[in-house]
Amino acid sequence: MENEGHLLRCGILDVEVASCPSCVFTIEKLGRKVPGVSDVRFDSGRREIKVDYDGSSGALEKIAGIVERLGYSARVRQR
């Protein structure tokens, strides 16, 4: 996958079900503001968050922190 000439990586975070639509919206919106992140997609059915990012160190952990501040738990499964 490419973004403006840079190869993107796809990271996956496992997350407990966030059934609140506003929480899902908030995770996706704030996650896209993390430096190096181009897209965040929350799939509540699969209990995962897919993140397209440039490989920046700490980007996935920052998204996990956003999830945790909303009262859910998340852990990085794939970088």
PDB file of N, CA and C in Angstrom:
ATOM      1  N   MET A   1       0.855  -1.172   0.000  1.00  0.00           N
ATOM      2  CA  MET A   1       0.000   0.000   0.000  1.00  0.00           C
ATOM      3  C   MET A   1       0.902   1.235   0.000  1.00  0.00           C
ATOM      4  N   GLU A   2       0.546   2.246  -0.765  1.00  0.00           N
ATOM      5  CA  GLU A   2       1.348   3.458  -0.829  1.00  0.00           C
ATOM      6  C   GLU A   2       0.523   4.682  -0.485  1.00  0.00           C
ATOM      7  N   ASN A   3       1.180   5.671   0.081  1.00  0.00           N
ATOM      8  CA  ASN A   3       0.560   6.948   0.422  1.00  0.00           C
ATOM      9  C   ASN A   3       1.587   8.026   0.133  1.00  0.00           C
ATOM     10  N   GLU A   4       1.333   8.831  -0.880  1.00  0.00           N
ATOM     11  CA  GLU A   4       2.241   9.905  -1.263  1.00  0.00           C
ATOM     12  C   GLU A   4       3.662   9.387  -1.471  1.00  0.00           C
ATOM     13  N   GLY A   5       3.791   8.227  -2.142  1.00  0.00           N
ATOM     14  CA  GLY A   5       5.100   7.691  -2.438  1.00  0.00           C
ATOM     15  C   GLY A   5       5.746   6.904  -1.316  1.00  0.00           C
ATOM     16  N   HIS A   6       5.108   6.790  -0.164  1.00  0.00           N
ATOM     17  CA  HIS A   6       5.666   6.056   0.969  1.00  0.00           C
ATOM     18  C   HIS A   6       4.888   4.758   1.149  1.00  0.00           C
ATOM     19  N   LEU A   7       5.617   3.687   1.423  1.00  0.00           N
ATOM     20  CA  LEU A   7       4.949   2.426   1.703  1.00  0.00           C
ATOM     21  C   LEU A   7       4.329   2.478   3.091  1.00  0.00           C
ATOM     22  N   LEU A   8       3.100   1.992   3.188  1.00  0.00           N
ATOM     23  CA  LEU A   8       2.410   1.967   4.470  1.00  0.00           C
ATOM     24  C   LEU A   8       2.405   0.556   5.022  1.00  0.00           C
ATOM     25  N   ARG A   9       2.399   0.476   6.325  1.00  0.00           N
ATOM     26  CA  ARG A   9       2.268  -0.797   7.004  1.00  0.00           C
ATOM     27  C   ARG A   9       0.851  -0.886   7.554  1.00  0.00           C
ATOM     28  N   CYS A  10       0.399  -2.104   7.776  1.00  0.00           N
ATOM     29  CA  CYS A  10      -0.916  -2.316   8.372  1.00  0.00           C
ATOM     30  C   CYS A  10      -0.725  -2.953   9.739  1.00  0.00           C
ATOM     31  N   GLY A  11      -1.086  -2.223  10.775  1.00  0.00           N
ATOM     32  CA  GLY A  11      -1.025  -2.743  12.129  1.00  0.00           C
ATOM     33  C   GLY A  11      -2.417  -3.149  12.576  1.00  0.00           C
ATOM     34  N   ILE A  12      -2.472  -4.117  13.476  1.00  0.00           N
ATOM     35  CA  ILE A  12      -3.751  -4.574  14.003  1.00  0.00           C
ATOM     36  C   ILE A  12      -3.697  -4.577  15.517  1.00  0.00           C
ATOM     37  N   LEU A  13      -4.738  -4.018  16.116  1.00  0.00           N
ATOM     38  CA  LEU A  13      -4.877  -4.048  17.562  1.00  0.00           C
ATOM     39  C   LEU A  13      -6.104  -4.881  17.912  1.00  0.00           C
ATOM     40  N   ASP A  14      -5.967  -5.759  18.890  1.00  0.00           N
ATOM     41  CA  ASP A  14      -7.116  -6.482  19.417  1.00  0.00           C
ATOM     42  C   ASP A  14      -7.760  -5.589  20.464  1.00  0.00           C
ATOM     43  N   VAL A  15      -9.088  -5.534  20.446  1.00  0.00           N
ATOM     44  CA  VAL A  15      -9.804  -4.652  21.368  1.00  0.00           C
ATOM     45  C   VAL A  15     -11.076  -5.342  21.822  1.00  0.00           C
ATOM     46  N   GLU A  16     -11.459  -5.072  23.079  1.00  0.00           N
ATOM     47  CA  GLU A  16     -12.748  -5.590  23.524  1.00  0.00           C
ATOM     48  C   GLU A  16     -13.832  -4.825  22.779  1.00  0.00           C
ATOM     49  N   VAL A  17     -15.000  -5.386  22.689  1.00  0.00           N
ATOM     50  CA  VAL A  17     -16.081  -4.778  21.915  1.00  0.00           C
ATOM     51  C   VAL A  17     -16.448  -3.410  22.474  1.00  0.00           C
ATOM     52  N   ALA A  18     -16.401  -2.428  21.616  1.00  0.00           N
ATOM     53  CA  ALA A  18     -16.862  -1.078  21.959  1.00  0.00           C
ATOM     54  C   ALA A  18     -18.171  -0.892  21.220  1.00  0.00           C
ATOM     55  N   SER A  19     -19.267  -1.092  21.916  1.00  0.00           N
ATOM     56  CA  SER A  19     -20.570  -1.057  21.245  1.00  0.00           C
ATOM     57  C   SER A  19     -21.100   0.359  21.056  1.00  0.00           C
ATOM     58  N   CYS A  20     -20.510   1.302  21.714  1.00  0.00           N
ATOM     59  CA  CYS A  20     -20.954   2.689  21.637  1.00  0.00           C
ATOM     60  C   CYS A  20     -20.488   3.303  20.305  1.00  0.00           C
ATOM     61  N   PRO A  21     -21.432   3.675  19.416  1.00  0.00           N
ATOM     62  CA  PRO A  21     -21.037   4.252  18.121  1.00  0.00           C
ATOM     63  C   PRO A  21     -20.160   5.494  18.260  1.00  0.00           C
ATOM     64  N   SER A  22     -20.401   6.297  19.274  1.00  0.00           N
ATOM     65  CA  SER A  22     -19.573   7.497  19.428  1.00  0.00           C
ATOM     66  C   SER A  22     -18.149   7.135  19.845  1.00  0.00           C
ATOM     67  N   CYS A  23     -17.971   6.032  20.573  1.00  0.00           N
ATOM     68  CA  CYS A  23     -16.619   5.595  20.938  1.00  0.00           C
ATOM     69  C   CYS A  23     -15.859   5.129  19.692  1.00  0.00           C
ATOM     70  N   VAL A  24     -16.535   4.370  18.841  1.00  0.00           N
ATOM     71  CA  VAL A  24     -15.918   3.907  17.598  1.00  0.00           C
ATOM     72  C   VAL A  24     -15.515   5.112  16.755  1.00  0.00           C
ATOM     73  N   PHE A  25     -16.410   6.077  16.603  1.00  0.00           N
ATOM     74  CA  PHE A  25     -16.120   7.291  15.842  1.00  0.00           C
ATOM     75  C   PHE A  25     -14.923   8.024  16.434  1.00  0.00           C
ATOM     76  N   THR A  26     -14.896   8.148  17.756  1.00  0.00           N
ATOM     77  CA  THR A  26     -13.816   8.865  18.433  1.00  0.00           C
ATOM     78  C   THR A  26     -12.479   8.159  18.232  1.00  0.00           C
ATOM     79  N   ILE A  27     -12.458   6.830  18.361  1.00  0.00           N
ATOM     80  CA  ILE A  27     -11.215   6.072  18.159  1.00  0.00           C
ATOM     81  C   ILE A  27     -10.693   6.281  16.744  1.00  0.00           C
ATOM     82  N   GLU A  28     -11.575   6.193  15.760  1.00  0.00           N
ATOM     83  CA  GLU A  28     -11.143   6.371  14.370  1.00  0.00           C
ATOM     84  C   GLU A  28     -10.676   7.801  14.116  1.00  0.00           C
ATOM     85  N   LYS A  29     -11.416   8.775  14.601  1.00  0.00           N
ATOM     86  CA  LYS A  29     -11.073  10.178  14.350  1.00  0.00           C
ATOM     87  C   LYS A  29      -9.759  10.570  15.031  1.00  0.00           C
ATOM     88  N   LEU A  30      -9.628  10.260  16.324  1.00  0.00           N
ATOM     89  CA  LEU A  30      -8.408  10.622  17.037  1.00  0.00           C
ATOM     90  C   LEU A  30      -7.216   9.796  16.561  1.00  0.00           C
ATOM     91  N   GLY A  31      -7.473   8.545  16.192  1.00  0.00           N
ATOM     92  CA  GLY A  31      -6.390   7.695  15.689  1.00  0.00           C
ATOM     93  C   GLY A  31      -5.771   8.240  14.420  1.00  0.00           C
ATOM     94  N   ARG A  32      -6.593   8.837  13.565  1.00  0.00           N
ATOM     95  CA  ARG A  32      -6.071   9.418  12.319  1.00  0.00           C
ATOM     96  C   ARG A  32      -5.226  10.662  12.559  1.00  0.00           C
ATOM     97  N   LYS A  33      -5.302  11.228  13.750  1.00  0.00           N
ATOM     98  CA  LYS A  33      -4.503  12.414  14.075  1.00  0.00           C
ATOM     99  C   LYS A  33      -3.125  12.054  14.630  1.00  0.00           C
ATOM    100  N   VAL A  34      -2.898  10.777  14.914  1.00  0.00           N
ATOM    101  CA  VAL A  34      -1.597  10.337  15.413  1.00  0.00           C
ATOM    102  C   VAL A  34      -0.578  10.489  14.288  1.00  0.00           C
ATOM    103  N   PRO A  35       0.561  11.120  14.547  1.00  0.00           N
ATOM    104  CA  PRO A  35       1.580  11.290  13.509  1.00  0.00           C
ATOM    105  C   PRO A  35       1.975   9.955  12.871  1.00  0.00           C
ATOM    106  N   GLY A  36       1.984   9.928  11.543  1.00  0.00           N
ATOM    107  CA  GLY A  36       2.359   8.739  10.803  1.00  0.00           C
ATOM    108  C   GLY A  36       1.192   7.834  10.436  1.00  0.00           C
ATOM    109  N   VAL A  37       0.009   8.092  10.999  1.00  0.00           N
ATOM    110  CA  VAL A  37      -1.168   7.261  10.733  1.00  0.00           C
ATOM    111  C   VAL A  37      -1.978   7.876   9.596  1.00  0.00           C
ATOM    112  N   SER A  38      -2.344   7.053   8.604  1.00  0.00           N
ATOM    113  CA  SER A  38      -3.147   7.568   7.500  1.00  0.00           C
ATOM    114  C   SER A  38      -4.601   7.117   7.582  1.00  0.00           C
ATOM    115  N   ASP A  39      -4.857   5.953   8.214  1.00  0.00           N
ATOM    116  CA  ASP A  39      -6.243   5.503   8.327  1.00  0.00           C
ATOM    117  C   ASP A  39      -6.402   4.562   9.516  1.00  0.00           C
ATOM    118  N   VAL A  40      -7.590   4.599  10.125  1.00  0.00           N
ATOM    119  CA  VAL A  40      -7.944   3.734  11.248  1.00  0.00           C
ATOM    120  C   VAL A  40      -9.346   3.214  10.985  1.00  0.00           C
ATOM    121  N   ARG A  41      -9.497   1.890  11.051  1.00  0.00           N
ATOM    122  CA  ARG A  41     -10.808   1.272  10.826  1.00  0.00           C
ATOM    123  C   ARG A  41     -11.118   0.328  11.977  1.00  0.00           C
ATOM    124  N   PHE A  42     -12.210   0.586  12.652  1.00  0.00           N
ATOM    125  CA  PHE A  42     -12.629  -0.230  13.796  1.00  0.00           C
ATOM    126  C   PHE A  42     -13.650  -1.251  13.303  1.00  0.00           C
ATOM    127  N   ASP A  43     -13.367  -2.526  13.517  1.00  0.00           N
ATOM    128  CA  ASP A  43     -14.295  -3.600  13.136  1.00  0.00           C
ATOM    129  C   ASP A  43     -14.761  -4.270  14.424  1.00  0.00           C
ATOM    130  N   SER A  44     -15.935  -3.877  14.913  1.00  0.00           N
ATOM    131  CA  SER A  44     -16.419  -4.397  16.190  1.00  0.00           C
ATOM    132  C   SER A  44     -16.783  -5.875  16.091  1.00  0.00           C
ATOM    133  N   GLY A  45     -17.182  -6.339  14.910  1.00  0.00           N
ATOM    134  CA  GLY A  45     -17.504  -7.748  14.726  1.00  0.00           C
ATOM    135  C   GLY A  45     -16.290  -8.646  14.900  1.00  0.00           C
ATOM    136  N   ARG A  46     -15.141  -8.182  14.446  1.00  0.00           N
ATOM    137  CA  ARG A  46     -13.892  -8.953  14.558  1.00  0.00           C
ATOM    138  C   ARG A  46     -13.094  -8.562  15.798  1.00  0.00           C
ATOM    139  N   ARG A  47     -13.578  -7.551  16.502  1.00  0.00           N
ATOM    140  CA  ARG A  47     -12.908  -7.054  17.716  1.00  0.00           C
ATOM    141  C   ARG A  47     -11.474  -6.632  17.415  1.00  0.00           C
ATOM    142  N   GLU A  48     -11.327  -5.824  16.348  1.00  0.00           N
ATOM    143  CA  GLU A  48      -9.992  -5.365  15.989  1.00  0.00           C
ATOM    144  C   GLU A  48     -10.028  -3.972  15.374  1.00  0.00           C
ATOM    145  N   ILE A  49      -8.891  -3.334  15.458  1.00  0.00           N
ATOM    146  CA  ILE A  49      -8.689  -2.029  14.837  1.00  0.00           C
ATOM    147  C   ILE A  49      -7.548  -2.202  13.848  1.00  0.00           C
ATOM    148  N   LYS A  50      -7.792  -1.857  12.588  1.00  0.00           N
ATOM    149  CA  LYS A  50      -6.749  -1.907  11.568  1.00  0.00           C
ATOM    150  C   LYS A  50      -6.230  -0.492  11.357  1.00  0.00           C
ATOM    151  N   VAL A  51      -4.916  -0.381  11.322  1.00  0.00           N
ATOM    152  CA  VAL A  51      -4.269   0.924  11.221  1.00  0.00           C
ATOM    153  C   VAL A  51      -3.295   0.911  10.055  1.00  0.00           C
ATOM    154  N   ASP A  52      -3.480   1.823   9.104  1.00  0.00           N
ATOM    155  CA  ASP A  52      -2.505   2.039   8.043  1.00  0.00           C
ATOM    156  C   ASP A  52      -1.592   3.161   8.513  1.00  0.00           C
ATOM    157  N   TYR A  53      -0.291   2.867   8.579  1.00  0.00           N
ATOM    158  CA  TYR A  53       0.651   3.869   9.101  1.00  0.00           C
ATOM    159  C   TYR A  53       2.014   3.689   8.451  1.00  0.00           C
ATOM    160  N   ASP A  54       2.874   4.656   8.661  1.00  0.00           N
ATOM    161  CA  ASP A  54       4.173   4.661   7.987  1.00  0.00           C
ATOM    162  C   ASP A  54       5.262   3.903   8.743  1.00  0.00           C
ATOM    163  N   GLY A  55       4.895   3.182   9.778  1.00  0.00           N
ATOM    164  CA  GLY A  55       5.873   2.434  10.566  1.00  0.00           C
ATOM    165  C   GLY A  55       6.448   3.224  11.720  1.00  0.00           C
ATOM    166  N   SER A  56       5.921   4.418  11.955  1.00  0.00           N
ATOM    167  CA  SER A  56       6.420   5.267  13.036  1.00  0.00           C
ATOM    168  C   SER A  56       6.383   4.531  14.366  1.00  0.00           C
ATOM    169  N   SER A  57       7.480   4.612  15.077  1.00  0.00           N
ATOM    170  CA  SER A  57       7.577   3.986  16.385  1.00  0.00           C
ATOM    171  C   SER A  57       6.569   4.614  17.350  1.00  0.00           C
ATOM    172  N   GLY A  58       5.815   3.786  18.028  1.00  0.00           N
ATOM    173  CA  GLY A  58       4.869   4.263  19.032  1.00  0.00           C
ATOM    174  C   GLY A  58       3.491   4.612  18.518  1.00  0.00           C
ATOM    175  N   ALA A  59       3.275   4.598  17.203  1.00  0.00           N
ATOM    176  CA  ALA A  59       1.972   4.993  16.655  1.00  0.00           C
ATOM    177  C   ALA A  59       0.862   4.061  17.135  1.00  0.00           C
ATOM    178  N   LEU A  60       1.102   2.758  17.082  1.00  0.00           N
ATOM    179  CA  LEU A  60       0.071   1.811  17.489  1.00  0.00           C
ATOM    180  C   LEU A  60      -0.197   1.895  18.986  1.00  0.00           C
ATOM    181  N   GLU A  61       0.847   2.125  19.754  1.00  0.00           N
ATOM    182  CA  GLU A  61       0.686   2.267  21.201  1.00  0.00           C
ATOM    183  C   GLU A  61      -0.124   3.515  21.549  1.00  0.00           C
ATOM    184  N   LYS A  62       0.045   4.573  20.767  1.00  0.00           N
ATOM    185  CA  LYS A  62      -0.746   5.789  20.995  1.00  0.00           C
ATOM    186  C   LYS A  62      -2.225   5.532  20.738  1.00  0.00           C
ATOM    187  N   ILE A  63      -2.531   4.745  19.714  1.00  0.00           N
ATOM    188  CA  ILE A  63      -3.926   4.411  19.444  1.00  0.00           C
ATOM    189  C   ILE A  63      -4.479   3.525  20.559  1.00  0.00           C
ATOM    190  N   ALA A  64      -3.674   2.581  21.042  1.00  0.00           N
ATOM    191  CA  ALA A  64      -4.103   1.758  22.179  1.00  0.00           C
ATOM    192  C   ALA A  64      -4.390   2.639  23.389  1.00  0.00           C
ATOM    193  N   GLY A  65      -3.605   3.681  23.578  1.00  0.00           N
ATOM    194  CA  GLY A  65      -3.839   4.623  24.680  1.00  0.00           C
ATOM    195  C   GLY A  65      -5.152   5.362  24.527  1.00  0.00           C
ATOM    196  N   ILE A  66      -5.500   5.735  23.321  1.00  0.00           N
ATOM    197  CA  ILE A  66      -6.789   6.392  23.056  1.00  0.00           C
ATOM    198  C   ILE A  66      -7.926   5.456  23.457  1.00  0.00           C
ATOM    199  N   VAL A  67      -7.816   4.195  23.053  1.00  0.00           N
ATOM    200  CA  VAL A  67      -8.841   3.192  23.371  1.00  0.00           C
ATOM    201  C   VAL A  67      -8.974   3.047  24.890  1.00  0.00           C
ATOM    202  N   GLU A  68      -7.844   2.972  25.565  1.00  0.00           N
ATOM    203  CA  GLU A  68      -7.864   2.792  27.021  1.00  0.00           C
ATOM    204  C   GLU A  68      -8.446   3.997  27.747  1.00  0.00           C
ATOM    205  N   ARG A  69      -8.212   5.194  27.233  1.00  0.00           N
ATOM    206  CA  ARG A  69      -8.800   6.390  27.859  1.00  0.00           C
ATOM    207  C   ARG A  69     -10.313   6.412  27.722  1.00  0.00           C
ATOM    208  N   LEU A  70     -10.845   5.661  26.754  1.00  0.00           N
ATOM    209  CA  LEU A  70     -12.296   5.565  26.582  1.00  0.00           C
ATOM    210  C   LEU A  70     -12.894   4.432  27.425  1.00  0.00           C
ATOM    211  N   GLY A  71     -12.037   3.735  28.176  1.00  0.00           N
ATOM    212  CA  GLY A  71     -12.521   2.702  29.088  1.00  0.00           C
ATOM    213  C   GLY A  71     -12.481   1.288  28.557  1.00  0.00           C
ATOM    214  N   TYR A  72     -11.789   1.058  27.440  1.00  0.00           N
ATOM    215  CA  TYR A  72     -11.667  -0.275  26.863  1.00  0.00           C
ATOM    216  C   TYR A  72     -10.204  -0.689  26.893  1.00  0.00           C
ATOM    217  N   SER A  73      -9.943  -1.957  26.625  1.00  0.00           N
ATOM    218  CA  SER A  73      -8.544  -2.386  26.562  1.00  0.00           C
ATOM    219  C   SER A  73      -8.191  -2.731  25.113  1.00  0.00           C
ATOM    220  N   ALA A  74      -6.931  -2.503  24.777  1.00  0.00           N
ATOM    221  CA  ALA A  74      -6.446  -2.801  23.428  1.00  0.00           C
ATOM    222  C   ALA A  74      -4.985  -3.216  23.529  1.00  0.00           C
ATOM    223  N   ARG A  75      -4.607  -4.145  22.660  1.00  0.00           N
ATOM    224  CA  ARG A  75      -3.192  -4.546  22.609  1.00  0.00           C
ATOM    225  C   ARG A  75      -2.794  -4.760  21.158  1.00  0.00           C
ATOM    226  N   VAL A  76      -1.557  -4.468  20.865  1.00  0.00           N
ATOM    227  CA  VAL A  76      -1.044  -4.618  19.510  1.00  0.00           C
ATOM    228  C   VAL A  76      -0.863  -6.105  19.208  1.00  0.00           C
ATOM    229  N   ARG A  77      -1.496  -6.558  18.126  1.00  0.00           N
ATOM    230  CA  ARG A  77      -1.344  -7.948  17.676  1.00  0.00           C
ATOM    231  C   ARG A  77      -0.315  -8.047  16.562  1.00  0.00           C
ATOM    232  N   GLN A  78      -0.345  -7.096  15.639  1.00  0.00           N
ATOM    233  CA  GLN A  78       0.535  -7.135  14.465  1.00  0.00           C
ATOM    234  C   GLN A  78       1.041  -5.744  14.163  1.00  0.00           C
ATOM    235  N   ARG A  79       2.315  -5.652  13.850  1.00  0.00           N
ATOM    236  CA  ARG A  79       2.934  -4.367  13.488  1.00  0.00           C
ATOM    237  C   ARG A  79       3.142  -4.296  12.016  1.00  0.00           C
TER     238      ARG A  79
END
